Amino acid sequence: MKLQSDPHSGINTITGYGDGYVEINKAPYSHAVLVSSGGGILDWPVTTFDDLTAADFSQMAGLKPELILIGTGKRQRFPKPELLKTLIDAKIGFEVMDSQAACRTYNILVGESRQVLLALIVEAN
């Protein structure tokens, strides 16, 4: 699915997504990424939901967003509570949803000028 983007805004936006890819600022990615509304796009060494570790959540918290959207792949799955503890302790809000819903929600929040981080798992076909 293609999404609209303002290429002159300087803000990272999701411009498309589908099975096995996400498009950020019109550049395709076929692997997991951390996307900050006001910062960079980082490769994220997660290939499946089952790969998530406490270190991944510490990395997210270290970026100090207001809110984290966790896109868990093709379907919504909830991380173990002990993995989320880092975010809870840091008082960082988070939402867990399938990756396509996370992309749509991210763009809405970016449009509201929210400081949001998208932690997106991109599953291969």
PDB file of N, CA and C in Angstrom:
ATOM      1  N   MET A   1       0.844  -1.169   0.000  1.00  0.00           N
ATOM      2  CA  MET A   1       0.000   0.000   0.000  1.00  0.00           C
ATOM      3  C   MET A   1       0.888   1.229   0.000  1.00  0.00           C
ATOM      4  N   LYS A   2       0.538   2.207  -0.818  1.00  0.00           N
ATOM      5  CA  LYS A   2       1.261   3.477  -0.874  1.00  0.00           C
ATOM      6  C   LYS A   2       0.587   4.484   0.049  1.00  0.00           C
ATOM      7  N   LEU A   3       1.395   5.295   0.714  1.00  0.00           N
ATOM      8  CA  LEU A   3       0.902   6.340   1.593  1.00  0.00           C
ATOM      9  C   LEU A   3       1.471   7.670   1.130  1.00  0.00           C
ATOM     10  N   GLN A   4       0.823   8.752   1.477  1.00  0.00           N
ATOM     11  CA  GLN A   4       1.282  10.087   1.087  1.00  0.00           C
ATOM     12  C   GLN A   4       2.389  10.556   2.019  1.00  0.00           C
ATOM     13  N   SER A   5       3.264  11.370   1.495  1.00  0.00           N
ATOM     14  CA  SER A   5       4.362  11.925   2.280  1.00  0.00           C
ATOM     15  C   SER A   5       4.657  13.342   1.812  1.00  0.00           C
ATOM     16  N   ASP A   6       5.104  14.169   2.726  1.00  0.00           N
ATOM     17  CA  ASP A   6       5.576  15.499   2.370  1.00  0.00           C
ATOM     18  C   ASP A   6       7.102  15.436   2.374  1.00  0.00           C
ATOM     19  N   PRO A   7       7.723  15.322   1.198  1.00  0.00           N
ATOM     20  CA  PRO A   7       9.172  15.140   1.147  1.00  0.00           C
ATOM     21  C   PRO A   7       9.973  16.331   1.655  1.00  0.00           C
ATOM     22  N   HIS A   8       9.336  17.474   1.849  1.00  0.00           N
ATOM     23  CA  HIS A   8      10.054  18.670   2.292  1.00  0.00           C
ATOM     24  C   HIS A   8       9.951  18.900   3.792  1.00  0.00           C
ATOM     25  N   SER A   9       9.272  18.017   4.499  1.00  0.00           N
ATOM     26  CA  SER A   9       9.046  18.232   5.926  1.00  0.00           C
ATOM     27  C   SER A   9      10.263  17.910   6.784  1.00  0.00           C
ATOM     28  N   GLY A  10      11.167  17.068   6.294  1.00  0.00           N
ATOM     29  CA  GLY A  10      12.329  16.672   7.082  1.00  0.00           C
ATOM     30  C   GLY A  10      12.009  15.660   8.165  1.00  0.00           C
ATOM     31  N   ILE A  11      10.774  15.160   8.167  1.00  0.00           N
ATOM     32  CA  ILE A  11      10.330  14.188   9.159  1.00  0.00           C
ATOM     33  C   ILE A  11      10.211  12.831   8.481  1.00  0.00           C
ATOM     34  N   ASN A  12      10.686  11.795   9.139  1.00  0.00           N
ATOM     35  CA  ASN A  12      10.566  10.451   8.574  1.00  0.00           C
ATOM     36  C   ASN A  12       9.104  10.037   8.525  1.00  0.00           C
ATOM     37  N   THR A  13       8.652   9.598   7.350  1.00  0.00           N
ATOM     38  CA  THR A  13       7.291   9.088   7.212  1.00  0.00           C
ATOM     39  C   THR A  13       7.312   7.768   6.467  1.00  0.00           C
ATOM     40  N   ILE A  14       6.291   6.963   6.736  1.00  0.00           N
ATOM     41  CA  ILE A  14       6.117   5.702   6.030  1.00  0.00           C
ATOM     42  C   ILE A  14       5.372   6.022   4.744  1.00  0.00           C
ATOM     43  N   THR A  15       5.970   5.717   3.604  1.00  0.00           N
ATOM     44  CA  THR A  15       5.356   6.038   2.317  1.00  0.00           C
ATOM     45  C   THR A  15       4.770   4.813   1.628  1.00  0.00           C
ATOM     46  N   GLY A  16       4.999   3.622   2.176  1.00  0.00           N
ATOM     47  CA  GLY A  16       4.412   2.407   1.630  1.00  0.00           C
ATOM     48  C   GLY A  16       4.813   1.206   2.458  1.00  0.00           C
ATOM     49  N   TYR A  17       4.049   0.128   2.318  1.00  0.00           N
ATOM     50  CA  TYR A  17       4.380  -1.115   3.000  1.00  0.00           C
ATOM     51  C   TYR A  17       3.645  -2.265   2.330  1.00  0.00           C
ATOM     52  N   GLY A  18       4.136  -3.451   2.580  1.00  0.00           N
ATOM     53  CA  GLY A  18       3.524  -4.669   2.054  1.00  0.00           C
ATOM     54  C   GLY A  18       4.263  -5.868   2.596  1.00  0.00           C
ATOM     55  N   ASP A  19       3.953  -7.033   2.073  1.00  0.00           N
ATOM     56  CA  ASP A  19       4.626  -8.246   2.530  1.00  0.00           C
ATOM     57  C   ASP A  19       6.116  -8.155   2.231  1.00  0.00           C
ATOM     58  N   GLY A  20       6.915  -8.211   3.279  1.00  0.00           N
ATOM     59  CA  GLY A  20       8.364  -8.253   3.127  1.00  0.00           C
ATOM     60  C   GLY A  20       9.064  -6.924   2.943  1.00  0.00           C
ATOM     61  N   TYR A  21       8.345  -5.796   3.054  1.00  0.00           N
ATOM     62  CA  TYR A  21       9.035  -4.507   2.925  1.00  0.00           C
ATOM     63  C   TYR A  21       8.249  -3.393   3.614  1.00  0.00           C
ATOM     64  N   VAL A  22       8.969  -2.337   3.899  1.00  0.00           N
ATOM     65  CA  VAL A  22       8.382  -1.067   4.322  1.00  0.00           C
ATOM     66  C   VAL A  22       9.137   0.009   3.549  1.00  0.00           C
ATOM     67  N   GLU A  23       8.453   1.063   3.184  1.00  0.00           N
ATOM     68  CA  GLU A  23       9.063   2.159   2.456  1.00  0.00           C
ATOM     69  C   GLU A  23       9.031   3.393   3.357  1.00  0.00           C
ATOM     70  N   ILE A  24      10.215   3.935   3.633  1.00  0.00           N
ATOM     71  CA  ILE A  24      10.347   5.105   4.502  1.00  0.00           C
ATOM     72  C   ILE A  24      10.957   6.227   3.673  1.00  0.00           C
ATOM     73  N   ASN A  25      10.249   7.339   3.597  1.00  0.00           N
ATOM     74  CA  ASN A  25      10.704   8.463   2.765  1.00  0.00           C
ATOM     75  C   ASN A  25      11.008   8.000   1.344  1.00  0.00           C
ATOM     76  N   LYS A  26      10.194   7.082   0.852  1.00  0.00           N
ATOM     77  CA  LYS A  26      10.263   6.515  -0.504  1.00  0.00           C
ATOM     78  C   LYS A  26      11.462   5.596  -0.727  1.00  0.00           C
ATOM     79  N   ALA A  27      12.156   5.200   0.339  1.00  0.00           N
ATOM     80  CA  ALA A  27      13.270   4.244   0.237  1.00  0.00           C
ATOM     81  C   ALA A  27      12.808   2.912   0.837  1.00  0.00           C
ATOM     82  N   PRO A  28      12.962   1.794   0.103  1.00  0.00           N
ATOM     83  CA  PRO A  28      12.482   0.503   0.604  1.00  0.00           C
ATOM     84  C   PRO A  28      13.458  -0.146   1.594  1.00  0.00           C
ATOM     85  N   TYR A  29      12.889  -0.820   2.583  1.00  0.00           N
ATOM     86  CA  TYR A  29      13.647  -1.599   3.572  1.00  0.00           C
ATOM     87  C   TYR A  29      12.989  -2.971   3.659  1.00  0.00           C
ATOM     88  N   SER A  30      13.808  -4.011   3.670  1.00  0.00           N
ATOM     89  CA  SER A  30      13.273  -5.371   3.763  1.00  0.00           C
ATOM     90  C   SER A  30      13.699  -6.050   5.057  1.00  0.00           C
ATOM     91  N   HIS A  31      14.064  -5.260   6.046  1.00  0.00           N
ATOM     92  CA  HIS A  31      14.492  -5.771   7.344  1.00  0.00           C
ATOM     93  C   HIS A  31      13.919  -4.879   8.444  1.00  0.00           C
ATOM     94  N   ALA A  32      14.053  -5.307   9.664  1.00  0.00           N
ATOM     95  CA  ALA A  32      13.534  -4.553  10.807  1.00  0.00           C
ATOM     96  C   ALA A  32      14.274  -3.223  10.943  1.00  0.00           C
ATOM     97  N   VAL A  33      13.515  -2.198  11.358  1.00  0.00           N
ATOM     98  CA  VAL A  33      14.081  -0.862  11.515  1.00  0.00           C
ATOM     99  C   VAL A  33      13.502  -0.174  12.748  1.00  0.00           C
ATOM    100  N   LEU A  34      14.258   0.784  13.259  1.00  0.00           N
ATOM    101  CA  LEU A  34      13.784   1.729  14.262  1.00  0.00           C
ATOM    102  C   LEU A  34      13.712   3.072  13.557  1.00  0.00           C
ATOM    103  N   VAL A  35      12.522   3.663  13.531  1.00  0.00           N
ATOM    104  CA  VAL A  35      12.305   4.913  12.813  1.00  0.00           C
ATOM    105  C   VAL A  35      11.851   5.969  13.803  1.00  0.00           C
ATOM    106  N   SER A  36      12.607   7.029  13.902  1.00  0.00           N
ATOM    107  CA  SER A  36      12.277   8.129  14.807  1.00  0.00           C
ATOM    108  C   SER A  36      11.649   9.260  14.008  1.00  0.00           C
ATOM    109  N   SER A  37      10.619   9.851  14.557  1.00  0.00           N
ATOM    110  CA  SER A  37       9.937  10.940  13.849  1.00  0.00           C
ATOM    111  C   SER A  37      10.875  12.115  13.578  1.00  0.00           C
ATOM    112  N   GLY A  38      11.793  12.364  14.470  1.00  0.00           N
ATOM    113  CA  GLY A  38      12.675  13.507  14.291  1.00  0.00           C
ATOM    114  C   GLY A  38      14.135  13.143  14.154  1.00  0.00           C
ATOM    115  N   GLY A  39      14.418  11.885  13.983  1.00  0.00           N
ATOM    116  CA  GLY A  39      15.820  11.467  13.935  1.00  0.00           C
ATOM    117  C   GLY A  39      16.093  10.522  12.793  1.00  0.00           C
ATOM    118  N   GLY A  40      16.891   9.546  13.072  1.00  0.00           N
ATOM    119  CA  GLY A  40      17.351   8.658  12.040  1.00  0.00           C
ATOM    120  C   GLY A  40      16.492   7.430  11.824  1.00  0.00           C
ATOM    121  N   ILE A  41      16.963   6.653  10.895  1.00  0.00           N
ATOM    122  CA  ILE A  41      16.404   5.339  10.602  1.00  0.00           C
ATOM    123  C   ILE A  41      17.525   4.350  10.887  1.00  0.00           C
ATOM    124  N   LEU A  42      17.317   3.510  11.894  1.00  0.00           N
ATOM    125  CA  LEU A  42      18.362   2.575  12.310  1.00  0.00           C
ATOM    126  C   LEU A  42      17.999   1.156  11.916  1.00  0.00           C
ATOM    127  N   ASP A  43      18.980   0.416  11.387  1.00  0.00           N
ATOM    128  CA  ASP A  43      18.781  -1.021  11.198  1.00  0.00           C
ATOM    129  C   ASP A  43      18.589  -1.632  12.573  1.00  0.00           C
ATOM    130  N   TRP A  44      17.680  -2.583  12.667  1.00  0.00           N
ATOM    131  CA  TRP A  44      17.369  -3.222  13.938  1.00  0.00           C
ATOM    132  C   TRP A  44      17.585  -4.713  13.750  1.00  0.00           C
ATOM    133  N   PRO A  45      18.465  -5.351  14.517  1.00  0.00           N
ATOM    134  CA  PRO A  45      18.840  -6.749  14.272  1.00  0.00           C
ATOM    135  C   PRO A  45      17.806  -7.771  14.750  1.00  0.00           C
ATOM    136  N   VAL A  46      16.529  -7.516  14.454  1.00  0.00           N
ATOM    137  CA  VAL A  46      15.453  -8.430  14.834  1.00  0.00           C
ATOM    138  C   VAL A  46      14.866  -8.993  13.542  1.00  0.00           C
ATOM    139  N   THR A  47      14.829 -10.298  13.409  1.00  0.00           N
ATOM    140  CA  THR A  47      14.266 -10.874  12.184  1.00  0.00           C
ATOM    141  C   THR A  47      12.860 -11.430  12.401  1.00  0.00           C
ATOM    142  N   THR A  48      12.562 -11.825  13.632  1.00  0.00           N
ATOM    143  CA  THR A  48      11.224 -12.321  13.955  1.00  0.00           C
ATOM    144  C   THR A  48      10.837 -11.832  15.343  1.00  0.00           C
ATOM    145  N   PHE A  49       9.577 -11.898  15.627  1.00  0.00           N
ATOM    146  CA  PHE A  49       9.078 -11.504  16.944  1.00  0.00           C
ATOM    147  C   PHE A  49       9.783 -12.288  18.053  1.00  0.00           C
ATOM    148  N   ASP A  50      10.018 -13.567  17.822  1.00  0.00           N
ATOM    149  CA  ASP A  50      10.649 -14.421  18.831  1.00  0.00           C
ATOM    150  C   ASP A  50      12.098 -14.037  19.127  1.00  0.00           C
ATOM    151  N   ASP A  51      12.688 -13.195  18.273  1.00  0.00           N
ATOM    152  CA  ASP A  51      14.067 -12.735  18.482  1.00  0.00           C
ATOM    153  C   ASP A  51      14.179 -11.597  19.491  1.00  0.00           C
ATOM    154  N   LEU A  52      13.057 -10.981  19.878  1.00  0.00           N
ATOM    155  CA  LEU A  52      13.112  -9.827  20.777  1.00  0.00           C
ATOM    156  C   LEU A  52      13.766 -10.164  22.105  1.00  0.00           C
ATOM    157  N   THR A  53      14.669  -9.272  22.541  1.00  0.00           N
ATOM    158  CA  THR A  53      15.380  -9.450  23.807  1.00  0.00           C
ATOM    159  C   THR A  53      15.264  -8.173  24.640  1.00  0.00           C
ATOM    160  N   ALA A  54      15.672  -8.262  25.879  1.00  0.00           N
ATOM    161  CA  ALA A  54      15.693  -7.090  26.759  1.00  0.00           C
ATOM    162  C   ALA A  54      16.590  -5.996  26.181  1.00  0.00           C
ATOM    163  N   ALA A  55      17.667  -6.377  25.516  1.00  0.00           N
ATOM    164  CA  ALA A  55      18.568  -5.390  24.910  1.00  0.00           C
ATOM    165  C   ALA A  55      17.854  -4.571  23.838  1.00  0.00           C
ATOM    166  N   ASP A  56      16.942  -5.187  23.098  1.00  0.00           N
ATOM    167  CA  ASP A  56      16.189  -4.448  22.083  1.00  0.00           C
ATOM    168  C   ASP A  56      15.333  -3.357  22.720  1.00  0.00           C
ATOM    169  N   PHE A  57      14.719  -3.665  23.846  1.00  0.00           N
ATOM    170  CA  PHE A  57      13.880  -2.693  24.539  1.00  0.00           C
ATOM    171  C   PHE A  57      14.725  -1.616  25.207  1.00  0.00           C
ATOM    172  N   SER A  58      15.910  -1.970  25.678  1.00  0.00           N
ATOM    173  CA  SER A  58      16.837  -0.971  26.223  1.00  0.00           C
ATOM    174  C   SER A  58      17.288  -0.008  25.133  1.00  0.00           C
ATOM    175  N   GLN A  59      17.528  -0.542  23.932  1.00  0.00           N
ATOM    176  CA  GLN A  59      17.918   0.309  22.809  1.00  0.00           C
ATOM    177  C   GLN A  59      16.805   1.311  22.491  1.00  0.00           C
ATOM    178  N   MET A  60      15.560   0.829  22.460  1.00  0.00           N
ATOM    179  CA  MET A  60      14.419   1.721  22.198  1.00  0.00           C
ATOM    180  C   MET A  60      14.331   2.807  23.269  1.00  0.00           C
ATOM    181  N   ALA A  61      14.417   2.418  24.524  1.00  0.00           N
ATOM    182  CA  ALA A  61      14.305   3.370  25.632  1.00  0.00           C
ATOM    183  C   ALA A  61      15.431   4.399  25.565  1.00  0.00           C
ATOM    184  N   GLY A  62      16.610   3.975  25.140  1.00  0.00           N
ATOM    185  CA  GLY A  62      17.755   4.878  25.051  1.00  0.00           C
ATOM    186  C   GLY A  62      17.564   6.007  24.057  1.00  0.00           C
ATOM    187  N   LEU A  63      16.642   5.834  23.121  1.00  0.00           N
ATOM    188  CA  LEU A  63      16.360   6.879  22.140  1.00  0.00           C
ATOM    189  C   LEU A  63      15.410   7.949  22.693  1.00  0.00           C
ATOM    190  N   LYS A  64      14.866   7.704  23.870  1.00  0.00           N
ATOM    191  CA  LYS A  64      14.045   8.643  24.641  1.00  0.00           C
ATOM    192  C   LYS A  64      12.850   9.235  23.888  1.00  0.00           C
ATOM    193  N   PRO A  65      12.054   8.384  23.260  1.00  0.00           N
ATOM    194  CA  PRO A  65      10.846   8.916  22.622  1.00  0.00           C
ATOM    195  C   PRO A  65       9.739   9.149  23.640  1.00  0.00           C
ATOM    196  N   GLU A  66       8.730   9.871  23.236  1.00  0.00           N
ATOM    197  CA  GLU A  66       7.528  10.059  24.049  1.00  0.00           C
ATOM    198  C   GLU A  66       6.683   8.785  24.033  1.00  0.00           C
ATOM    199  N   LEU A  67       6.662   8.127  22.867  1.00  0.00           N
ATOM    200  CA  LEU A  67       5.835   6.947  22.654  1.00  0.00           C
ATOM    201  C   LEU A  67       6.535   6.009  21.686  1.00  0.00           C
ATOM    202  N   ILE A  68       6.392   4.711  21.915  1.00  0.00           N
ATOM    203  CA  ILE A  68       6.955   3.704  21.014  1.00  0.00           C
ATOM    204  C   ILE A  68       5.815   2.868  20.453  1.00  0.00           C
ATOM    205  N   LEU A  69       5.806   2.731  19.131  1.00  0.00           N
ATOM    206  CA  LEU A  69       4.893   1.810  18.457  1.00  0.00           C
ATOM    207  C   LEU A  69       5.706   0.589  18.071  1.00  0.00           C
ATOM    208  N   ILE A  70       5.274  -0.572  18.523  1.00  0.00           N
ATOM    209  CA  ILE A  70       5.995  -1.805  18.238  1.00  0.00           C
ATOM    210  C   ILE A  70       5.185  -2.595  17.221  1.00  0.00           C
ATOM    211  N   GLY A  71       5.703  -2.677  16.007  1.00  0.00           N
ATOM    212  CA  GLY A  71       5.069  -3.444  14.940  1.00  0.00           C
ATOM    213  C   GLY A  71       5.620  -4.864  14.959  1.00  0.00           C
ATOM    214  N   THR A  72       4.769  -5.823  15.283  1.00  0.00           N
ATOM    215  CA  THR A  72       5.228  -7.197  15.567  1.00  0.00           C
ATOM    216  C   THR A  72       5.186  -8.134  14.363  1.00  0.00           C
ATOM    217  N   GLY A  73       5.082  -7.606  13.178  1.00  0.00           N
ATOM    218  CA  GLY A  73       5.043  -8.451  11.995  1.00  0.00           C
ATOM    219  C   GLY A  73       3.641  -8.546  11.427  1.00  0.00           C
ATOM    220  N   LYS A  74       3.349  -9.658  10.785  1.00  0.00           N
ATOM    221  CA  LYS A  74       2.067  -9.811  10.091  1.00  0.00           C
ATOM    222  C   LYS A  74       0.872  -9.885  11.033  1.00  0.00           C
ATOM    223  N   ARG A  75       1.122 -10.252  12.285  1.00  0.00           N
ATOM    224  CA  ARG A  75       0.019 -10.306  13.234  1.00  0.00           C
ATOM    225  C   ARG A  75       0.463  -9.689  14.562  1.00  0.00           C
ATOM    226  N   GLN A  76      -0.518  -9.240  15.314  1.00  0.00           N
ATOM    227  CA  GLN A  76      -0.239  -8.631  16.610  1.00  0.00           C
ATOM    228  C   GLN A  76       0.129  -9.716  17.612  1.00  0.00           C
ATOM    229  N   ARG A  77       1.250  -9.498  18.276  1.00  0.00           N
ATOM    230  CA  ARG A  77       1.706 -10.399  19.331  1.00  0.00           C
ATOM    231  C   ARG A  77       2.252  -9.530  20.452  1.00  0.00           C
ATOM    232  N   PHE A  78       2.087  -9.982  21.681  1.00  0.00           N
ATOM    233  CA  PHE A  78       2.512  -9.174  22.821  1.00  0.00           C
ATOM    234  C   PHE A  78       3.805  -9.709  23.423  1.00  0.00           C
ATOM    235  N   PRO A  79       4.808  -8.822  23.580  1.00  0.00           N
ATOM    236  CA  PRO A  79       6.065  -9.236  24.214  1.00  0.00           C
ATOM    237  C   PRO A  79       5.831  -9.645  25.664  1.00  0.00           C
ATOM    238  N   LYS A  80       6.724 -10.469  26.157  1.00  0.00           N
ATOM    239  CA  LYS A  80       6.659 -10.887  27.562  1.00  0.00           C
ATOM    240  C   LYS A  80       6.796  -9.655  28.453  1.00  0.00           C
ATOM    241  N   PRO A  81       6.076  -9.625  29.560  1.00  0.00           N
ATOM    242  CA  PRO A  81       6.134  -8.462  30.457  1.00  0.00           C
ATOM    243  C   PRO A  81       7.550  -8.092  30.897  1.00  0.00           C
ATOM    244  N   GLU A  82       8.404  -9.085  31.113  1.00  0.00           N
ATOM    245  CA  GLU A  82       9.763  -8.761  31.558  1.00  0.00           C
ATOM    246  C   GLU A  82      10.548  -7.985  30.494  1.00  0.00           C
ATOM    247  N   LEU A  83      10.180  -8.131  29.210  1.00  0.00           N
ATOM    248  CA  LEU A  83      10.836  -7.353  28.160  1.00  0.00           C
ATOM    249  C   LEU A  83      10.358  -5.903  28.181  1.00  0.00           C
ATOM    250  N   LEU A  84       9.112  -5.688  28.515  1.00  0.00           N
ATOM    251  CA  LEU A  84       8.528  -4.348  28.529  1.00  0.00           C
ATOM    252  C   LEU A  84       8.915  -3.542  29.765  1.00  0.00           C
ATOM    253  N   LYS A  85       9.470  -4.205  30.764  1.00  0.00           N
ATOM    254  CA  LYS A  85       9.817  -3.556  32.037  1.00  0.00           C
ATOM    255  C   LYS A  85      10.702  -2.321  31.837  1.00  0.00           C
ATOM    256  N   THR A  86      11.643  -2.396  30.920  1.00  0.00           N
ATOM    257  CA  THR A  86      12.537  -1.259  30.666  1.00  0.00           C
ATOM    258  C   THR A  86      11.741  -0.022  30.248  1.00  0.00           C
ATOM    259  N   LEU A  87      10.751  -0.214  29.387  1.00  0.00           N
ATOM    260  CA  LEU A  87       9.941   0.916  28.926  1.00  0.00           C
ATOM    261  C   LEU A  87       9.061   1.447  30.056  1.00  0.00           C
ATOM    262  N   ILE A  88       8.508   0.540  30.828  1.00  0.00           N
ATOM    263  CA  ILE A  88       7.658   0.934  31.958  1.00  0.00           C
ATOM    264  C   ILE A  88       8.474   1.726  32.980  1.00  0.00           C
ATOM    265  N   ASP A  89       9.654   1.209  33.319  1.00  0.00           N
ATOM    266  CA  ASP A  89      10.516   1.891  34.290  1.00  0.00           C
ATOM    267  C   ASP A  89      10.947   3.273  33.801  1.00  0.00           C
ATOM    268  N   ALA A  90      11.121   3.416  32.483  1.00  0.00           N
ATOM    269  CA  ALA A  90      11.537   4.700  31.900  1.00  0.00           C
ATOM    270  C   ALA A  90      10.344   5.636  31.673  1.00  0.00           C
ATOM    271  N   LYS A  91       9.142   5.142  32.002  1.00  0.00           N
ATOM    272  CA  LYS A  91       7.915   5.926  31.823  1.00  0.00           C
ATOM    273  C   LYS A  91       7.704   6.346  30.372  1.00  0.00           C
ATOM    274  N   ILE A  92       8.000   5.400  29.463  1.00  0.00           N
ATOM    275  CA  ILE A  92       7.786   5.620  28.039  1.00  0.00           C
ATOM    276  C   ILE A  92       6.541   4.831  27.631  1.00  0.00           C
ATOM    277  N   GLY A  93       5.580   5.529  27.049  1.00  0.00           N
ATOM    278  CA  GLY A  93       4.373   4.869  26.585  1.00  0.00           C
ATOM    279  C   GLY A  93       4.676   3.978  25.388  1.00  0.00           C
ATOM    280  N   PHE A  94       3.900   2.921  25.240  1.00  0.00           N
ATOM    281  CA  PHE A  94       4.091   2.029  24.095  1.00  0.00           C
ATOM    282  C   PHE A  94       2.769   1.403  23.697  1.00  0.00           C
ATOM    283  N   GLU A  95       2.685   1.048  22.423  1.00  0.00           N
ATOM    284  CA  GLU A  95       1.549   0.327  21.869  1.00  0.00           C
ATOM    285  C   GLU A  95       2.109  -0.805  21.025  1.00  0.00           C
ATOM    286  N   VAL A  96       1.426  -1.930  21.072  1.00  0.00           N
ATOM    287  CA  VAL A  96       1.843  -3.104  20.310  1.00  0.00           C
ATOM    288  C   VAL A  96       0.752  -3.414  19.302  1.00  0.00           C
ATOM    289  N   MET A  97       1.144  -3.574  18.040  1.00  0.00           N
ATOM    290  CA  MET A  97       0.175  -3.876  16.982  1.00  0.00           C
ATOM    291  C   MET A  97       0.880  -4.564  15.824  1.00  0.00           C
ATOM    292  N   ASP A  98       0.105  -5.082  14.854  1.00  0.00           N
ATOM    293  CA  ASP A  98       0.759  -5.669  13.690  1.00  0.00           C
ATOM    294  C   ASP A  98       1.500  -4.545  12.954  1.00  0.00           C
ATOM    295  N   SER A  99       2.460  -4.909  12.128  1.00  0.00           N
ATOM    296  CA  SER A  99       3.345  -3.910  11.518  1.00  0.00           C
ATOM    297  C   SER A  99       2.621  -2.934  10.601  1.00  0.00           C
ATOM    298  N   GLN A 100       1.629  -3.400   9.842  1.00  0.00           N
ATOM    299  CA  GLN A 100       0.921  -2.475   8.960  1.00  0.00           C
ATOM    300  C   GLN A 100       0.128  -1.449   9.758  1.00  0.00           C
ATOM    301  N   ALA A 101      -0.537  -1.870  10.826  1.00  0.00           N
ATOM    302  CA  ALA A 101      -1.255  -0.924  11.685  1.00  0.00           C
ATOM    303  C   ALA A 101      -0.279   0.050  12.336  1.00  0.00           C
ATOM    304  N   ALA A 102       0.894  -0.444  12.725  1.00  0.00           N
ATOM    305  CA  ALA A 102       1.906   0.421  13.338  1.00  0.00           C
ATOM    306  C   ALA A 102       2.371   1.496  12.358  1.00  0.00           C
ATOM    307  N   CYS A 103       2.519   1.146  11.082  1.00  0.00           N
ATOM    308  CA  CYS A 103       2.921   2.127  10.064  1.00  0.00           C
ATOM    309  C   CYS A 103       1.870   3.228   9.925  1.00  0.00           C
ATOM    310  N   ARG A 104       0.614   2.842   9.840  1.00  0.00           N
ATOM    311  CA  ARG A 104      -0.462   3.831   9.701  1.00  0.00           C
ATOM    312  C   ARG A 104      -0.539   4.736  10.935  1.00  0.00           C
ATOM    313  N   THR A 105      -0.458   4.137  12.109  1.00  0.00           N
ATOM    314  CA  THR A 105      -0.544   4.900  13.355  1.00  0.00           C
ATOM    315  C   THR A 105       0.646   5.843  13.497  1.00  0.00           C
ATOM    316  N   TYR A 106       1.825   5.365  13.130  1.00  0.00           N
ATOM    317  CA  TYR A 106       3.029   6.208  13.174  1.00  0.00           C
ATOM    318  C   TYR A 106       2.817   7.482  12.359  1.00  0.00           C
ATOM    319  N   ASN A 107       2.327   7.341  11.136  1.00  0.00           N
ATOM    320  CA  ASN A 107       2.129   8.519  10.289  1.00  0.00           C
ATOM    321  C   ASN A 107       1.122   9.489  10.894  1.00  0.00           C
ATOM    322  N   ILE A 108       0.081   8.974  11.508  1.00  0.00           N
ATOM    323  CA  ILE A 108      -0.903   9.842  12.156  1.00  0.00           C
ATOM    324  C   ILE A 108      -0.247  10.629  13.288  1.00  0.00           C
ATOM    325  N   LEU A 109       0.514   9.935  14.124  1.00  0.00           N
ATOM    326  CA  LEU A 109       1.162  10.598  15.260  1.00  0.00           C
ATOM    327  C   LEU A 109       2.218  11.601  14.810  1.00  0.00           C
ATOM    328  N   VAL A 110       2.956  11.267  13.752  1.00  0.00           N
ATOM    329  CA  VAL A 110       3.939  12.204  13.205  1.00  0.00           C
ATOM    330  C   VAL A 110       3.227  13.463  12.707  1.00  0.00           C
ATOM    331  N   GLY A 111       2.064  13.272  12.087  1.00  0.00           N
ATOM    332  CA  GLY A 111       1.282  14.407  11.618  1.00  0.00           C
ATOM    333  C   GLY A 111       0.803  15.306  12.746  1.00  0.00           C
ATOM    334  N   GLU A 112       0.733  14.754  13.952  1.00  0.00           N
ATOM    335  CA  GLU A 112       0.355  15.527  15.148  1.00  0.00           C
ATOM    336  C   GLU A 112       1.576  16.083  15.873  1.00  0.00           C
ATOM    337  N   SER A 113       2.734  15.977  15.250  1.00  0.00           N
ATOM    338  CA  SER A 113       4.011  16.461  15.805  1.00  0.00           C
ATOM    339  C   SER A 113       4.399  15.760  17.093  1.00  0.00           C
ATOM    340  N   ARG A 114       4.041  14.496  17.218  1.00  0.00           N
ATOM    341  CA  ARG A 114       4.421  13.716  18.401  1.00  0.00           C
ATOM    342  C   ARG A 114       5.837  13.167  18.229  1.00  0.00           C
ATOM    343  N   GLN A 115       6.537  13.021  19.335  1.00  0.00           N
ATOM    344  CA  GLN A 115       7.873  12.433  19.339  1.00  0.00           C
ATOM    345  C   GLN A 115       7.696  10.932  19.485  1.00  0.00           C
ATOM    346  N   VAL A 116       7.644  10.234  18.360  1.00  0.00           N
ATOM    347  CA  VAL A 116       7.313   8.815  18.344  1.00  0.00           C
ATOM    348  C   VAL A 116       8.445   8.010  17.706  1.00  0.00           C
ATOM    349  N   LEU A 117       8.606   6.794  18.209  1.00  0.00           N
ATOM    350  CA  LEU A 117       9.566   5.852  17.655  1.00  0.00           C
ATOM    351  C   LEU A 117       8.783   4.657  17.152  1.00  0.00           C
ATOM    352  N   LEU A 118       9.057   4.241  15.920  1.00  0.00           N
ATOM    353  CA  LEU A 118       8.456   3.048  15.345  1.00  0.00           C
ATOM    354  C   LEU A 118       9.498   1.939  15.370  1.00  0.00           C
ATOM    355  N   ALA A 119       9.210   0.880  16.116  1.00  0.00           N
ATOM    356  CA  ALA A 119      10.078  -0.311  16.156  1.00  0.00           C
ATOM    357  C   ALA A 119       9.354  -1.350  15.322  1.00  0.00           C
ATOM    358  N   LEU A 120       9.849  -1.579  14.107  1.00  0.00           N
ATOM    359  CA  LEU A 120       9.094  -2.333  13.117  1.00  0.00           C
ATOM    360  C   LEU A 120       9.793  -3.614  12.700  1.00  0.00           C
ATOM    361  N   ILE A 121       9.114  -4.726  12.907  1.00  0.00           N
ATOM    362  CA  ILE A 121       9.602  -6.011  12.397  1.00  0.00           C
ATOM    363  C   ILE A 121       9.012  -6.203  11.006  1.00  0.00           C
ATOM    364  N   VAL A 122       9.882  -6.425  10.033  1.00  0.00           N
ATOM    365  CA  VAL A 122       9.458  -6.660   8.655  1.00  0.00           C
ATOM    366  C   VAL A 122       9.712  -8.129   8.368  1.00  0.00           C
ATOM    367  N   GLU A 123       8.628  -8.867   8.212  1.00  0.00           N
ATOM    368  CA  GLU A 123       8.749 -10.304   7.968  1.00  0.00           C
ATOM    369  C   GLU A 123       8.847 -10.588   6.488  1.00  0.00           C
ATOM    370  N   ALA A 124       9.713 -11.556   6.144  1.00  0.00           N
ATOM    371  CA  ALA A 124       9.839 -11.993   4.756  1.00  0.00           C
ATOM    372  C   ALA A 124       8.528 -12.655   4.325  1.00  0.00           C
ATOM    373  N   ASN A 125       8.313 -12.642   3.022  1.00  0.00           N
ATOM    374  CA  ASN A 125       7.086 -13.262   2.488  1.00  0.00           C
ATOM    375  C   ASN A 125       6.919 -14.685   2.932  1.00  0.00           C
TER     376      ASN A 125
END
